[in-house]
Amino acid sequence: MEGVDRWIPYSAMTNPGRHASAIAVLPTEVGALIQIIQGVLVDALAASPDQPLVEIAPDW
């Protein structure tokens, strides 16, 4: 795939699956989205149950 076409399909990390309806009601304005997710978004590695956050970055 070339250009933006490579970003269109969902991946395992981006497919909303059963949560698509919850995402559909989110605001489309960037500032409003930032207010919602700031402090909530967690890296997939950091969320791993096998490796607690303190072991990944003890200075958090």
Protein backbone atom coordinates (compact mmCIF):
# COMPACT_ATOMS: atom_id res chain seq x y z
CA MET A 1 0.00 0.00 0.00
CA GLU A 2 1.15 3.47 -0.77
CA GLY A 3 0.39 6.88 0.72
CA VAL A 4 -2.45 7.24 3.20
CA ASP A 5 -4.03 3.96 2.11
CA ARG A 6 -1.72 2.09 4.45
CA TRP A 7 -3.27 3.89 7.45
CA ILE A 8 -6.93 3.22 6.58
CA PRO A 9 -7.34 -0.45 7.67
CA TYR A 10 -7.62 -1.25 11.37
CA SER A 11 -4.82 -3.12 13.09
CA ALA A 12 -5.02 -5.28 16.20
CA MET A 13 -4.26 -2.15 18.30
CA THR A 14 -6.70 0.20 16.54
CA ASN A 15 -9.79 -1.93 15.85
CA PRO A 16 -12.52 -0.69 18.21
CA GLY A 17 -14.51 -3.91 17.88
CA ARG A 18 -17.41 -3.96 20.34
CA HIS A 19 -16.46 -0.47 21.57
CA ALA A 20 -17.13 1.24 18.21
CA SER A 21 -20.41 2.76 19.43
CA ALA A 22 -18.65 4.36 22.43
CA ILE A 23 -16.02 5.86 20.16
CA ALA A 24 -18.66 7.15 17.73
CA VAL A 25 -20.06 9.54 20.36
CA LEU A 26 -16.68 11.14 21.18
CA PRO A 27 -16.21 14.77 20.13
CA THR A 28 -14.34 15.43 16.89
CA GLU A 29 -12.57 18.58 18.10
CA VAL A 30 -8.98 17.86 19.10
CA GLY A 31 -9.00 20.00 22.25
CA ALA A 32 -12.10 18.25 23.56
CA LEU A 33 -10.56 14.84 22.89
CA ILE A 34 -7.38 15.85 24.70
CA GLN A 35 -9.40 16.80 27.77
CA ILE A 36 -11.07 13.38 27.75
CA ILE A 37 -8.00 11.19 27.30
CA GLN A 38 -5.32 13.19 29.10
CA GLY A 39 -4.10 11.09 31.97
CA VAL A 40 -6.18 8.07 30.89
CA LEU A 41 -4.29 6.81 27.86
CA VAL A 42 -1.81 4.11 28.84
CA ASP A 43 0.78 2.53 26.60
CA ALA A 44 0.00 -1.11 25.78
CA LEU A 45 3.35 -2.22 27.19
CA ALA A 46 2.73 -0.34 30.42
CA ALA A 47 -0.69 -1.98 30.74
CA SER A 48 0.74 -5.49 30.51
CA PRO A 49 -0.37 -7.56 33.51
CA ASP A 50 2.99 -9.35 33.45
CA GLN A 51 4.97 -6.16 33.95
CA PRO A 52 3.58 -3.54 36.38
CA LEU A 53 4.12 0.15 35.64
CA VAL A 54 6.65 0.54 38.48
CA GLU A 55 8.95 -2.01 36.85
CA ILE A 56 8.78 -0.28 33.45
CA ALA A 57 9.28 3.29 34.67
CA PRO A 58 9.78 3.59 38.41
CA ASP A 59 10.09 7.38 38.09
CA TRP A 60 6.46 7.84 36.90
